[in-house]
Amino acid sequence: MSTLRRGSSGEEERHGHARWRCGACFDTSPRGSTDGSPESLAAAHWAAREAVRRGTALRLVHAWKWRPRPTASVPADMPQRACAEETPSRVSDTVRAGHSDLLIIDDLLEDTPVTALLAAARQTDLIALGSRGISGAAGFLTGSVSQRVVARSMRTVVLVWAGRSGTDEHLCAMDGISQEEIPETPYRDVVLGLDTGQPCDEQIEFAFDAARRRAAPLRVIHAFGGPSAYAAADRLTPVDGPQLLAEQERSVVGTLRPWCEKFPEVAVTETVAKGRAAGLLIRASADAGLVVVGRRMREARFGTHIGSVAHAVLHHAPSPVAVGPHV
């Protein structure tokens, strides 16, 4: 395992009948999806903070679908649409209370959550969705709205756990610093999972840009497998050990070089190790403010398929996770 550090100059330094969701998407402005649940509110607040960082408006997307049978969650004396319209207003007021200067636009779409959110995402650069949290095999369950949107969206989707707040994006405050001053403490690292065999410029640029907007370090993690996968056709014996590690380090440095030049203000730490990328990324996520990974664009016969690394990180990483398609 090897860790390299690069400074700013680039040098090495080693819901029932009425159903709705409210999302947080972005079209250079962020969009958020939420039904008023804790997880969707967490996503909406995350999207609001991101909109502030980007200097844009926040568009909250609320999807609802009329159902013939009413449920206990919808008052019997209230029309379905009126009930659906009440949630966006309540959510917007909640978000606006913490971001008084932010322009918030509500979109109420009559469609299923997945269809509505995918349509909204096509008009944006970024969408934020919520998840209930992690516990064993719980989390982003197969068939969930979040996972289906992640698997089909052509835009980056950020998944936010219930309970996440703005203070979680920052390092712990030192003794003597009041709670109101916490946003002034430095941001936690942005972590990028890098596959040098199939690098995705969109994900790399997203990670560098996120780090720049936060004035946060960027930690790039690249994991590689055994030597047989890297043996050249003209080699009798595949490289292994230190030689293989050195080759992987050079590949990472070469892949990142143009991005370090484009974002000279971002301090980059490169971790190169033999092993499973998912495990390394999950461990790194414990101290991260944001994890950025790519997903494979594959058609699956049963359910949704986003790739083993993205799937594992979405299930187990405690930090917000940004997932984008390999294009």
C-alpha atoms as a PDB file:
ATOM      1  CA  MET A   1       0.000   0.000   0.000  1.00  0.00           C
ATOM      2  CA  SER A   2       1.283   3.425  -0.864  1.00  0.00           C
ATOM      3  CA  THR A   3       0.044   6.907  -0.062  1.00  0.00           C
ATOM      4  CA  LEU A   4       1.201   9.966  -1.958  1.00  0.00           C
ATOM      5  CA  ARG A   5       0.335  13.553  -1.150  1.00  0.00           C
ATOM      6  CA  ARG A   6       0.213  16.434  -3.565  1.00  0.00           C
ATOM      7  CA  GLY A   7       0.091  20.018  -2.474  1.00  0.00           C
ATOM      8  CA  SER A   8      -1.691  22.871  -4.169  1.00  0.00           C
ATOM      9  CA  SER A   9       1.097  23.214  -6.697  1.00  0.00           C
ATOM     10  CA  GLY A  10       0.979  19.537  -7.635  1.00  0.00           C
ATOM     11  CA  GLU A  11       4.271  18.406  -6.102  1.00  0.00           C
ATOM     12  CA  GLU A  12       4.450  15.036  -4.438  1.00  0.00           C
ATOM     13  CA  GLU A  13       4.294  14.884  -0.674  1.00  0.00           C
ATOM     14  CA  ARG A  14       3.825  11.291  -0.060  1.00  0.00           C
ATOM     15  CA  HIS A  15     -45.152   7.652   0.054  1.00  0.00           C
ATOM     16  CA  GLY A  16     -50.232   5.249  -0.192  1.00  0.00           C
ATOM     17  CA  HIS A  17     -53.044   6.468  -2.535  1.00  0.00           C
ATOM     18  CA  ALA A  18     -51.393   9.761  -2.808  1.00  0.00           C
ATOM     19  CA  ARG A  19     -47.692   9.041  -3.054  1.00  0.00           C
ATOM     20  CA  TRP A  20     -44.982  11.600  -3.305  1.00  0.00           C
ATOM     21  CA  ARG A  21     -41.311  12.019  -2.954  1.00  0.00           C
ATOM     22  CA  CYS A  22     -39.394  15.225  -2.601  1.00  0.00           C
ATOM     23  CA  GLY A  23     -36.034  15.184  -4.222  1.00  0.00           C
ATOM     24  CA  ALA A  24     -33.146  17.515  -4.315  1.00  0.00           C
ATOM     25  CA  CYS A  25     -31.879  17.887  -7.836  1.00  0.00           C
ATOM     26  CA  PHE A  26     -29.532  20.348  -9.464  1.00  0.00           C
ATOM     27  CA  ASP A  27     -29.287  21.903 -12.891  1.00  0.00           C
ATOM     28  CA  THR A  28     -26.234  23.822 -12.064  1.00  0.00           C
ATOM     29  CA  SER A  29     -28.774  24.425  -9.429  1.00  0.00           C
ATOM     30  CA  PRO A  30     -29.356  21.492  -7.059  1.00  0.00           C
ATOM     31  CA  ARG A  31     -32.560  19.457  -6.934  1.00  0.00           C
ATOM     32  CA  GLY A  32     -33.797  17.560  -3.931  1.00  0.00           C
ATOM     33  CA  SER A  33     -36.335  14.763  -3.541  1.00  0.00           C
ATOM     34  CA  THR A  34     -38.353  14.513  -0.326  1.00  0.00           C
ATOM     35  CA  ASP A  35     -41.652  13.179   1.072  1.00  0.00           C
ATOM     36  CA  GLY A  36     -41.137  14.890   4.420  1.00  0.00           C
ATOM     37  CA  SER A  37     -39.421  11.853   5.927  1.00  0.00           C
ATOM     38  CA  PRO A  38     -36.195  12.289   7.912  1.00  0.00           C
ATOM     39  CA  GLU A  39     -34.063  10.863   5.134  1.00  0.00           C
ATOM     40  CA  SER A  40     -35.607  13.051   2.436  1.00  0.00           C
ATOM     41  CA  LEU A  41     -35.255  16.127   4.621  1.00  0.00           C
ATOM     42  CA  ALA A  42     -31.599  15.286   5.137  1.00  0.00           C
ATOM     43  CA  ALA A  43     -31.191  15.133   1.352  1.00  0.00           C
ATOM     44  CA  ALA A  44     -33.030  18.428   0.874  1.00  0.00           C
ATOM     45  CA  HIS A  45     -30.829  20.160   3.422  1.00  0.00           C
ATOM     46  CA  TRP A  46     -27.705  18.693   1.838  1.00  0.00           C
ATOM     47  CA  ALA A  47     -28.881  19.974  -1.541  1.00  0.00           C
ATOM     48  CA  ALA A  48     -29.517  23.408  -0.057  1.00  0.00           C
ATOM     49  CA  ARG A  49     -25.981  23.589   1.269  1.00  0.00           C
ATOM     50  CA  GLU A  50     -24.649  22.476  -2.096  1.00  0.00           C
ATOM     51  CA  ALA A  51     -26.726  25.138  -3.863  1.00  0.00           C
ATOM     52  CA  VAL A  52     -25.179  27.749  -1.597  1.00  0.00           C
ATOM     53  CA  ARG A  53     -21.708  26.441  -2.394  1.00  0.00           C
ATOM     54  CA  ARG A  54     -22.511  26.623  -6.116  1.00  0.00           C
ATOM     55  CA  GLY A  55     -24.239  29.997  -5.919  1.00  0.00           C
ATOM     56  CA  THR A  56     -27.428  28.661  -7.534  1.00  0.00           C
ATOM     57  CA  ALA A  57     -31.134  28.164  -6.782  1.00  0.00           C
ATOM     58  CA  LEU A  58     -32.437  24.938  -5.232  1.00  0.00           C
ATOM     59  CA  ARG A  59     -35.187  23.047  -7.051  1.00  0.00           C
ATOM     60  CA  LEU A  60     -37.168  20.650  -4.843  1.00  0.00           C
ATOM     61  CA  VAL A  61     -38.939  17.935  -6.837  1.00  0.00           C
ATOM     62  CA  HIS A  62     -42.069  16.353  -5.332  1.00  0.00           C
ATOM     63  CA  ALA A  63     -43.537  13.333  -7.141  1.00  0.00           C
ATOM     64  CA  TRP A  64     -46.987  11.989  -6.303  1.00  0.00           C
ATOM     65  CA  LYS A  65     -49.305   9.383  -7.843  1.00  0.00           C
ATOM     66  CA  TRP A  66     -53.077   9.128  -7.354  1.00  0.00           C
ATOM     67  CA  ARG A  67     -54.166   5.817  -5.836  1.00  0.00           C
ATOM     68  CA  PRO A  68     -57.765   4.436  -5.754  1.00  0.00           C
ATOM     69  CA  ARG A  69     -57.511   3.266  -2.147  1.00  0.00           C
ATOM     70  CA  PRO A  70     -56.828   5.845   0.572  1.00  0.00           C
ATOM     71  CA  THR A  71     -54.391   5.142   3.371  1.00  0.00           C
ATOM     72  CA  ALA A  72     -54.107   6.320   6.962  1.00  0.00           C
ATOM     73  CA  SER A  73     -51.323   8.691   5.966  1.00  0.00           C
ATOM     74  CA  VAL A  74     -53.762  10.829   3.925  1.00  0.00           C
ATOM     75  CA  PRO A  75     -56.668  12.602   5.765  1.00  0.00           C
ATOM     76  CA  ALA A  76     -60.088  11.308   4.603  1.00  0.00           C
ATOM     77  CA  ASP A  77     -61.466  14.844   4.207  1.00  0.00           C
ATOM     78  CA  MET A  78     -58.572  16.091   2.075  1.00  0.00           C
ATOM     79  CA  PRO A  79     -58.338  15.715  -1.718  1.00  0.00           C
ATOM     80  CA  GLN A  80     -55.313  13.777  -2.849  1.00  0.00           C
ATOM     81  CA  ARG A  81     -53.723  16.618  -4.744  1.00  0.00           C
ATOM     82  CA  ALA A  82     -54.238  19.048  -1.851  1.00  0.00           C
ATOM     83  CA  CYS A  83     -52.510  16.583   0.417  1.00  0.00           C
ATOM     84  CA  ALA A  84     -49.682  16.223  -2.075  1.00  0.00           C
ATOM     85  CA  GLU A  85     -49.301  19.995  -2.373  1.00  0.00           C
ATOM     86  CA  GLU A  86     -49.053  20.440   1.383  1.00  0.00           C
ATOM     87  CA  THR A  87     -45.822  18.488   1.712  1.00  0.00           C
ATOM     88  CA  PRO A  88     -43.745  20.606  -0.693  1.00  0.00           C
ATOM     89  CA  SER A  89     -44.715  23.793   1.109  1.00  0.00           C
ATOM     90  CA  ARG A  90     -43.830  22.324   4.488  1.00  0.00           C
ATOM     91  CA  VAL A  91     -40.512  20.993   3.280  1.00  0.00           C
ATOM     92  CA  SER A  92     -39.598  24.244   1.560  1.00  0.00           C
ATOM     93  CA  ASP A  93     -40.364  26.223   4.713  1.00  0.00           C
ATOM     94  CA  THR A  94     -38.162  23.887   6.738  1.00  0.00           C
ATOM     95  CA  VAL A  95     -35.244  24.198   4.350  1.00  0.00           C
ATOM     96  CA  ARG A  96     -35.697  27.939   3.925  1.00  0.00           C
ATOM     97  CA  ALA A  97     -35.504  28.436   7.696  1.00  0.00           C
ATOM     98  CA  GLY A  98     -31.864  27.420   7.536  1.00  0.00           C
ATOM     99  CA  HIS A  99     -31.045  29.184   4.265  1.00  0.00           C
ATOM    100  CA  SER A 100     -32.938  32.475   4.220  1.00  0.00           C
ATOM    101  CA  ASP A 101     -31.098  33.864   1.191  1.00  0.00           C
ATOM    102  CA  LEU A 102     -31.495  30.752  -0.963  1.00  0.00           C
ATOM    103  CA  LEU A 103     -33.982  30.781  -3.846  1.00  0.00           C
ATOM    104  CA  ILE A 104     -36.066  27.584  -3.568  1.00  0.00           C
ATOM    105  CA  ILE A 105     -38.293  26.414  -6.432  1.00  0.00           C
ATOM    106  CA  ASP A 106     -40.897  23.644  -5.938  1.00  0.00           C
ATOM    107  CA  ASP A 107     -41.784  21.171  -8.692  1.00  0.00           C
ATOM    108  CA  LEU A 108     -44.892  18.995  -8.112  1.00  0.00           C
ATOM    109  CA  LEU A 109     -44.928  16.168 -10.653  1.00  0.00           C
ATOM    110  CA  GLU A 110     -47.826  13.697 -10.995  1.00  0.00           C
ATOM    111  CA  ASP A 111     -46.017  10.467 -11.700  1.00  0.00           C
ATOM    112  CA  THR A 112     -44.333   7.583  -9.955  1.00  0.00           C
ATOM    113  CA  PRO A 113     -41.293   8.613  -7.909  1.00  0.00           C
ATOM    114  CA  VAL A 114     -38.704   6.899 -10.071  1.00  0.00           C
ATOM    115  CA  THR A 115     -40.126   8.175 -13.371  1.00  0.00           C
ATOM    116  CA  ALA A 116     -40.536  11.709 -12.044  1.00  0.00           C
ATOM    117  CA  LEU A 117     -37.072  11.883 -10.547  1.00  0.00           C
ATOM    118  CA  LEU A 118     -35.395  10.490 -13.642  1.00  0.00           C
ATOM    119  CA  ALA A 119     -37.230  13.052 -15.783  1.00  0.00           C
ATOM    120  CA  ALA A 120     -36.164  15.835 -13.445  1.00  0.00           C
ATOM    121  CA  ALA A 121     -32.589  14.592 -13.397  1.00  0.00           C
ATOM    122  CA  ARG A 122     -32.349  14.882 -17.180  1.00  0.00           C
ATOM    123  CA  GLN A 123     -32.699  18.652 -16.761  1.00  0.00           C
ATOM    124  CA  THR A 124     -30.095  18.950 -14.024  1.00  0.00           C
ATOM    125  CA  ASP A 125     -26.484  18.272 -13.246  1.00  0.00           C
ATOM    126  CA  LEU A 126     -27.006  16.752  -9.811  1.00  0.00           C
ATOM    127  CA  ILE A 127     -29.796  15.160  -7.763  1.00  0.00           C
ATOM    128  CA  ALA A 128     -29.842  14.341  -4.039  1.00  0.00           C
ATOM    129  CA  LEU A 129     -31.942  11.559  -2.514  1.00  0.00           C
ATOM    130  CA  GLY A 130     -32.344  10.270   1.026  1.00  0.00           C
ATOM    131  CA  SER A 131     -31.928   6.862   2.648  1.00  0.00           C
ATOM    132  CA  ARG A 132     -33.077   5.653   6.077  1.00  0.00           C
ATOM    133  CA  GLY A 133     -29.701   4.618   7.362  1.00  0.00           C
ATOM    134  CA  ILE A 134     -27.535   1.582   7.722  1.00  0.00           C
ATOM    135  CA  SER A 135     -27.860  -1.439   9.950  1.00  0.00           C
ATOM    136  CA  GLY A 136     -26.437  -4.761   8.859  1.00  0.00           C
ATOM    137  CA  ALA A 137     -27.974  -5.551   5.470  1.00  0.00           C
ATOM    138  CA  ALA A 138     -30.303  -2.534   5.652  1.00  0.00           C
ATOM    139  CA  GLY A 139     -29.701   0.675   3.765  1.00  0.00           C
ATOM    140  CA  PHE A 140     -30.120   1.071   0.051  1.00  0.00           C
ATOM    141  CA  LEU A 141     -32.251  -2.025  -0.469  1.00  0.00           C
ATOM    142  CA  THR A 142     -32.679  -3.585  -3.882  1.00  0.00           C
ATOM    143  CA  GLY A 143     -35.817  -2.191  -5.509  1.00  0.00           C
ATOM    144  CA  SER A 144     -35.776   1.034  -3.507  1.00  0.00           C
ATOM    145  CA  VAL A 145     -36.499   4.318  -5.243  1.00  0.00           C
ATOM    146  CA  SER A 146     -33.008   5.531  -4.512  1.00  0.00           C
ATOM    147  CA  GLN A 147     -31.247   2.525  -5.963  1.00  0.00           C
ATOM    148  CA  ARG A 148     -33.431   2.474  -9.090  1.00  0.00           C
ATOM    149  CA  VAL A 149     -32.717   6.137  -9.710  1.00  0.00           C
ATOM    150  CA  VAL A 150     -29.009   5.602  -9.175  1.00  0.00           C
ATOM    151  CA  ALA A 151     -28.984   2.684 -11.604  1.00  0.00           C
ATOM    152  CA  ARG A 152     -30.787   4.547 -14.406  1.00  0.00           C
ATOM    153  CA  SER A 153     -29.839   8.188 -14.052  1.00  0.00           C
ATOM    154  CA  MET A 154     -27.386   9.681 -16.519  1.00  0.00           C
ATOM    155  CA  ARG A 155     -26.551  12.358 -13.939  1.00  0.00           C
ATOM    156  CA  THR A 156     -24.660  12.144 -10.694  1.00  0.00           C
ATOM    157  CA  VAL A 157     -26.910  11.150  -7.773  1.00  0.00           C
ATOM    158  CA  VAL A 158     -25.967  11.893  -4.163  1.00  0.00           C
ATOM    159  CA  LEU A 159     -27.387   9.597  -1.491  1.00  0.00           C
ATOM    160  CA  VAL A 160     -27.746  11.080   2.004  1.00  0.00           C
ATOM    161  CA  TRP A 161     -28.505   9.141   5.182  1.00  0.00           C
ATOM    162  CA  ALA A 162     -31.243  10.198   7.600  1.00  0.00           C
ATOM    163  CA  GLY A 163     -29.765  12.193  10.441  1.00  0.00           C
ATOM    164  CA  ARG A 164     -26.926  13.732   8.458  1.00  0.00           C
ATOM    165  CA  SER A 165     -26.514  17.455   9.085  1.00  0.00           C
ATOM    166  CA  GLY A 166     -24.255  20.245   7.990  1.00  0.00           C
ATOM    167  CA  THR A 167     -21.984  19.805  10.973  1.00  0.00           C
ATOM    168  CA  ASP A 168     -21.185  16.264   9.818  1.00  0.00           C
ATOM    169  CA  GLU A 169     -19.473  17.728   6.763  1.00  0.00           C
ATOM    170  CA  HIS A 170     -16.904  19.440   8.951  1.00  0.00           C
ATOM    171  CA  LEU A 171     -14.142  18.262  11.208  1.00  0.00           C
ATOM    172  CA  CYS A 172     -14.932  18.246  14.914  1.00  0.00           C
ATOM    173  CA  ALA A 173     -14.637  21.649  16.524  1.00  0.00           C
ATOM    174  CA  MET A 174     -11.910  22.245  19.057  1.00  0.00           C
ATOM    175  CA  ASP A 175     -12.704  22.829  22.716  1.00  0.00           C
ATOM    176  CA  GLY A 176     -13.879  26.367  23.312  1.00  0.00           C
ATOM    177  CA  ILE A 177     -15.546  26.767  19.903  1.00  0.00           C
ATOM    178  CA  SER A 178     -19.312  27.281  20.080  1.00  0.00           C
ATOM    179  CA  GLN A 179     -21.833  25.235  18.061  1.00  0.00           C
ATOM    180  CA  GLU A 180     -22.587  28.298  15.918  1.00  0.00           C
ATOM    181  CA  GLU A 181     -18.982  28.409  14.798  1.00  0.00           C
ATOM    182  CA  ILE A 182     -18.809  24.794  13.622  1.00  0.00           C
ATOM    183  CA  PRO A 183     -19.459  25.644   9.943  1.00  0.00           C
ATOM    184  CA  GLU A 184     -16.247  27.667  10.121  1.00  0.00           C
ATOM    185  CA  THR A 185     -14.177  24.578  10.897  1.00  0.00           C
ATOM    186  CA  PRO A 186     -12.550  22.836   7.929  1.00  0.00           C
ATOM    187  CA  TYR A 187     -14.482  20.440   5.739  1.00  0.00           C
ATOM    188  CA  ARG A 188     -13.795  16.734   5.904  1.00  0.00           C
ATOM    189  CA  ASP A 189     -11.998  15.120   2.989  1.00  0.00           C
ATOM    190  CA  VAL A 190     -13.663  14.355  -0.309  1.00  0.00           C
ATOM    191  CA  VAL A 191     -12.853  10.745  -1.271  1.00  0.00           C
ATOM    192  CA  LEU A 192     -12.692   9.566  -4.877  1.00  0.00           C
ATOM    193  CA  GLY A 193     -12.603   5.934  -5.951  1.00  0.00           C
ATOM    194  CA  LEU A 194     -10.425   5.790  -9.065  1.00  0.00           C
ATOM    195  CA  ASP A 195     -10.233   2.995 -11.635  1.00  0.00           C
ATOM    196  CA  THR A 196      -7.246   3.762 -13.828  1.00  0.00           C
ATOM    197  CA  GLY A 197      -8.266   1.006 -16.236  1.00  0.00           C
ATOM    198  CA  GLN A 198     -11.532   2.822 -16.999  1.00  0.00           C
ATOM    199  CA  PRO A 199     -11.192   6.351 -15.647  1.00  0.00           C
ATOM    200  CA  CYS A 200     -14.304   8.516 -15.902  1.00  0.00           C
ATOM    201  CA  ASP A 201     -13.560  12.188 -16.453  1.00  0.00           C
ATOM    202  CA  GLU A 202     -16.995  13.251 -15.167  1.00  0.00           C
ATOM    203  CA  GLN A 203     -16.441  11.602 -11.778  1.00  0.00           C
ATOM    204  CA  ILE A 204     -12.896  12.829 -11.457  1.00  0.00           C
ATOM    205  CA  GLU A 205     -13.889  16.394 -12.268  1.00  0.00           C
ATOM    206  CA  PHE A 206     -16.887  16.181  -9.893  1.00  0.00           C
ATOM    207  CA  ALA A 207     -14.591  15.140  -7.047  1.00  0.00           C
ATOM    208  CA  PHE A 208     -12.005  17.824  -7.738  1.00  0.00           C
ATOM    209  CA  ASP A 209     -14.728  20.482  -8.038  1.00  0.00           C
ATOM    210  CA  ALA A 210     -16.377  19.333  -4.781  1.00  0.00           C
ATOM    211  CA  ALA A 211     -13.050  19.550  -2.981  1.00  0.00           C
ATOM    212  CA  ARG A 212     -12.348  22.987  -4.429  1.00  0.00           C
ATOM    213  CA  ARG A 213     -15.754  24.395  -3.377  1.00  0.00           C
ATOM    214  CA  ARG A 214     -15.182  23.115   0.151  1.00  0.00           C
ATOM    215  CA  ALA A 215     -11.512  24.026   0.319  1.00  0.00           C
ATOM    216  CA  ALA A 216     -11.121  20.413   1.414  1.00  0.00           C
ATOM    217  CA  PRO A 217      -8.414  17.865   0.690  1.00  0.00           C
ATOM    218  CA  LEU A 218      -9.148  15.277  -1.984  1.00  0.00           C
ATOM    219  CA  ARG A 219      -8.197  11.711  -1.176  1.00  0.00           C
ATOM    220  CA  VAL A 220      -7.967   9.462  -4.219  1.00  0.00           C
ATOM    221  CA  ILE A 221      -8.107   5.703  -3.651  1.00  0.00           C
ATOM    222  CA  HIS A 222      -7.046   3.170  -6.256  1.00  0.00           C
ATOM    223  CA  ALA A 223      -7.053  -0.570  -5.567  1.00  0.00           C
ATOM    224  CA  PHE A 224      -5.572  -3.179  -7.853  1.00  0.00           C
ATOM    225  CA  GLY A 225      -5.661  -6.955  -8.055  1.00  0.00           C
ATOM    226  CA  GLY A 226      -3.151  -9.689  -8.717  1.00  0.00           C
ATOM    227  CA  PRO A 227      -0.317  -9.531 -11.206  1.00  0.00           C
ATOM    228  CA  SER A 228      -1.913 -11.721 -13.896  1.00  0.00           C
ATOM    229  CA  ALA A 229      -4.391  -8.976 -14.736  1.00  0.00           C
ATOM    230  CA  TYR A 230      -1.565  -6.595 -15.457  1.00  0.00           C
ATOM    231  CA  ALA A 231       0.862  -8.843 -17.312  1.00  0.00           C
ATOM    232  CA  ALA A 232       1.894  -7.456 -20.664  1.00  0.00           C
ATOM    233  CA  ALA A 233       1.680  -9.719 -23.701  1.00  0.00           C
ATOM    234  CA  ASP A 234       5.454  -9.641 -24.207  1.00  0.00           C
ATOM    235  CA  ARG A 235       6.338 -10.557 -20.610  1.00  0.00           C
ATOM    236  CA  LEU A 236       7.251 -14.091 -19.690  1.00  0.00           C
ATOM    237  CA  THR A 237       6.726 -13.338 -16.007  1.00  0.00           C
ATOM    238  CA  PRO A 238       4.050 -10.891 -14.829  1.00  0.00           C
ATOM    239  CA  VAL A 239       5.153  -8.123 -12.537  1.00  0.00           C
ATOM    240  CA  ASP A 240       4.292  -8.322  -8.861  1.00  0.00           C
ATOM    241  CA  GLY A 241       5.298  -6.842  -5.548  1.00  0.00           C
ATOM    242  CA  PRO A 242       7.049  -3.488  -5.516  1.00  0.00           C
ATOM    243  CA  GLN A 243       7.277  -3.327  -9.309  1.00  0.00           C
ATOM    244  CA  LEU A 244       3.517  -3.760  -9.728  1.00  0.00           C
ATOM    245  CA  LEU A 245       2.856  -1.199  -6.996  1.00  0.00           C
ATOM    246  CA  ALA A 246       5.172   1.272  -8.703  1.00  0.00           C
ATOM    247  CA  GLU A 247       3.382   0.765 -12.034  1.00  0.00           C
ATOM    248  CA  GLN A 248       0.004   1.387 -10.398  1.00  0.00           C
ATOM    249  CA  GLU A 249       1.311   4.517  -8.696  1.00  0.00           C
ATOM    250  CA  ARG A 250       2.572   5.866 -12.005  1.00  0.00           C
ATOM    251  CA  SER A 251      -0.789   5.114 -13.620  1.00  0.00           C
ATOM    252  CA  VAL A 252      -2.648   7.012 -10.886  1.00  0.00           C
ATOM    253  CA  VAL A 253      -0.296   9.978 -11.100  1.00  0.00           C
ATOM    254  CA  GLY A 254      -0.643  10.070 -14.888  1.00  0.00           C
ATOM    255  CA  THR A 255      -4.443   9.895 -14.743  1.00  0.00           C
ATOM    256  CA  LEU A 256      -4.652  12.706 -12.197  1.00  0.00           C
ATOM    257  CA  ARG A 257      -1.988  15.004 -13.638  1.00  0.00           C
ATOM    258  CA  PRO A 258      -4.305  17.067 -15.935  1.00  0.00           C
ATOM    259  CA  TRP A 259      -6.828  17.438 -13.118  1.00  0.00           C
ATOM    260  CA  CYS A 260      -4.194  18.593 -10.648  1.00  0.00           C
ATOM    261  CA  GLU A 261      -3.182  21.193 -13.231  1.00  0.00           C
ATOM    262  CA  LYS A 262      -6.819  22.274 -13.749  1.00  0.00           C
ATOM    263  CA  PHE A 263      -7.470  22.480  -9.987  1.00  0.00           C
ATOM    264  CA  PRO A 264      -4.113  23.613  -8.564  1.00  0.00           C
ATOM    265  CA  GLU A 265      -5.711  24.793  -5.327  1.00  0.00           C
ATOM    266  CA  VAL A 266      -6.822  21.264  -4.387  1.00  0.00           C
ATOM    267  CA  ALA A 267      -4.440  19.270  -2.198  1.00  0.00           C
ATOM    268  CA  VAL A 268      -4.534  15.634  -3.309  1.00  0.00           C
ATOM    269  CA  THR A 269      -3.612  12.500  -1.377  1.00  0.00           C
ATOM    270  CA  GLU A 270      -3.236   9.356  -3.483  1.00  0.00           C
ATOM    271  CA  THR A 271      -3.604   5.953  -1.843  1.00  0.00           C
ATOM    272  CA  VAL A 272      -2.645   2.984  -4.005  1.00  0.00           C
ATOM    273  CA  ALA A 273      -3.092  -0.504  -2.573  1.00  0.00           C
ATOM    274  CA  LYS A 274      -3.528  -4.117  -3.576  1.00  0.00           C
ATOM    275  CA  GLY A 275      -6.934  -5.352  -2.457  1.00  0.00           C
ATOM    276  CA  ARG A 276     -10.651  -4.634  -2.754  1.00  0.00           C
ATOM    277  CA  ALA A 277     -11.648  -1.099  -3.651  1.00  0.00           C
ATOM    278  CA  ALA A 278     -14.957  -1.335  -1.762  1.00  0.00           C
ATOM    279  CA  GLY A 279     -13.261  -2.095   1.539  1.00  0.00           C
ATOM    280  CA  LEU A 280     -10.776   0.729   1.185  1.00  0.00           C
ATOM    281  CA  LEU A 281     -13.503   3.216   0.242  1.00  0.00           C
ATOM    282  CA  ILE A 282     -15.813   2.171   3.089  1.00  0.00           C
ATOM    283  CA  ARG A 283     -13.018   2.591   5.621  1.00  0.00           C
ATOM    284  CA  ALA A 284     -12.113   5.983   4.192  1.00  0.00           C
ATOM    285  CA  SER A 285     -15.774   7.087   4.279  1.00  0.00           C
ATOM    286  CA  ALA A 286     -15.782   7.002   8.087  1.00  0.00           C
ATOM    287  CA  ASP A 287     -13.873  10.280   8.153  1.00  0.00           C
ATOM    288  CA  ALA A 288     -15.059  11.718   4.817  1.00  0.00           C
ATOM    289  CA  GLY A 289     -17.501  14.496   4.047  1.00  0.00           C
ATOM    290  CA  LEU A 290     -18.347  13.002   0.642  1.00  0.00           C
ATOM    291  CA  VAL A 291     -17.416   9.854  -1.285  1.00  0.00           C
ATOM    292  CA  VAL A 292     -17.459   9.864  -5.093  1.00  0.00           C
ATOM    293  CA  VAL A 293     -17.708   6.600  -7.050  1.00  0.00           C
ATOM    294  CA  GLY A 294     -18.711   5.500 -10.529  1.00  0.00           C
ATOM    295  CA  ARG A 295     -21.199   2.822 -11.484  1.00  0.00           C
ATOM    296  CA  ARG A 296     -21.190   0.389 -14.351  1.00  0.00           C
ATOM    297  CA  MET A 297     -23.803   0.952 -17.056  1.00  0.00           C
ATOM    298  CA  ARG A 298     -25.053  -2.618 -17.382  1.00  0.00           C
ATOM    299  CA  GLU A 299     -28.427  -4.078 -18.274  1.00  0.00           C
ATOM    300  CA  ALA A 300     -29.417  -6.718 -15.719  1.00  0.00           C
ATOM    301  CA  ARG A 301     -32.048  -9.408 -16.262  1.00  0.00           C
ATOM    302  CA  PHE A 302     -33.252  -9.194 -12.674  1.00  0.00           C
ATOM    303  CA  GLY A 303     -33.392  -5.950 -10.703  1.00  0.00           C
ATOM    304  CA  THR A 304     -30.890  -3.158 -10.936  1.00  0.00           C
ATOM    305  CA  HIS A 305     -27.175  -3.553 -11.297  1.00  0.00           C
ATOM    306  CA  ILE A 306     -24.772  -0.774 -10.461  1.00  0.00           C
ATOM    307  CA  GLY A 307     -21.547  -2.687  -9.942  1.00  0.00           C
ATOM    308  CA  SER A 308     -20.145  -4.343  -6.852  1.00  0.00           C
ATOM    309  CA  VAL A 309     -18.042  -1.422  -5.638  1.00  0.00           C
ATOM    310  CA  ALA A 310     -20.805   1.200  -5.879  1.00  0.00           C
ATOM    311  CA  HIS A 311     -23.298  -1.255  -4.353  1.00  0.00           C
ATOM    312  CA  ALA A 312     -21.058  -1.980  -1.367  1.00  0.00           C
ATOM    313  CA  VAL A 313     -20.232   1.670  -0.750  1.00  0.00           C
ATOM    314  CA  LEU A 314     -23.919   2.676  -0.921  1.00  0.00           C
ATOM    315  CA  HIS A 315     -24.790   0.012   1.635  1.00  0.00           C
ATOM    316  CA  HIS A 316     -22.050   0.677   4.136  1.00  0.00           C
ATOM    317  CA  ALA A 317     -20.530   4.149   3.825  1.00  0.00           C
ATOM    318  CA  PRO A 318     -21.809   6.506   6.552  1.00  0.00           C
ATOM    319  CA  SER A 319     -21.023   9.642   4.568  1.00  0.00           C
ATOM    320  CA  PRO A 320     -23.029  11.023   1.618  1.00  0.00           C
ATOM    321  CA  VAL A 321     -22.123   9.129  -1.556  1.00  0.00           C
ATOM    322  CA  ALA A 322     -22.109  10.629  -5.044  1.00  0.00           C
ATOM    323  CA  VAL A 323     -22.619   8.010  -7.772  1.00  0.00           C
ATOM    324  CA  GLY A 324     -22.262   8.758 -11.449  1.00  0.00           C
ATOM    325  CA  PRO A 325     -22.383   6.573 -14.560  1.00  0.00           C
ATOM    326  CA  HIS A 326     -19.260   5.623 -16.430  1.00  0.00           C
ATOM    327  CA  VAL A 327     -19.825   7.360 -19.765  1.00  0.00           C
END
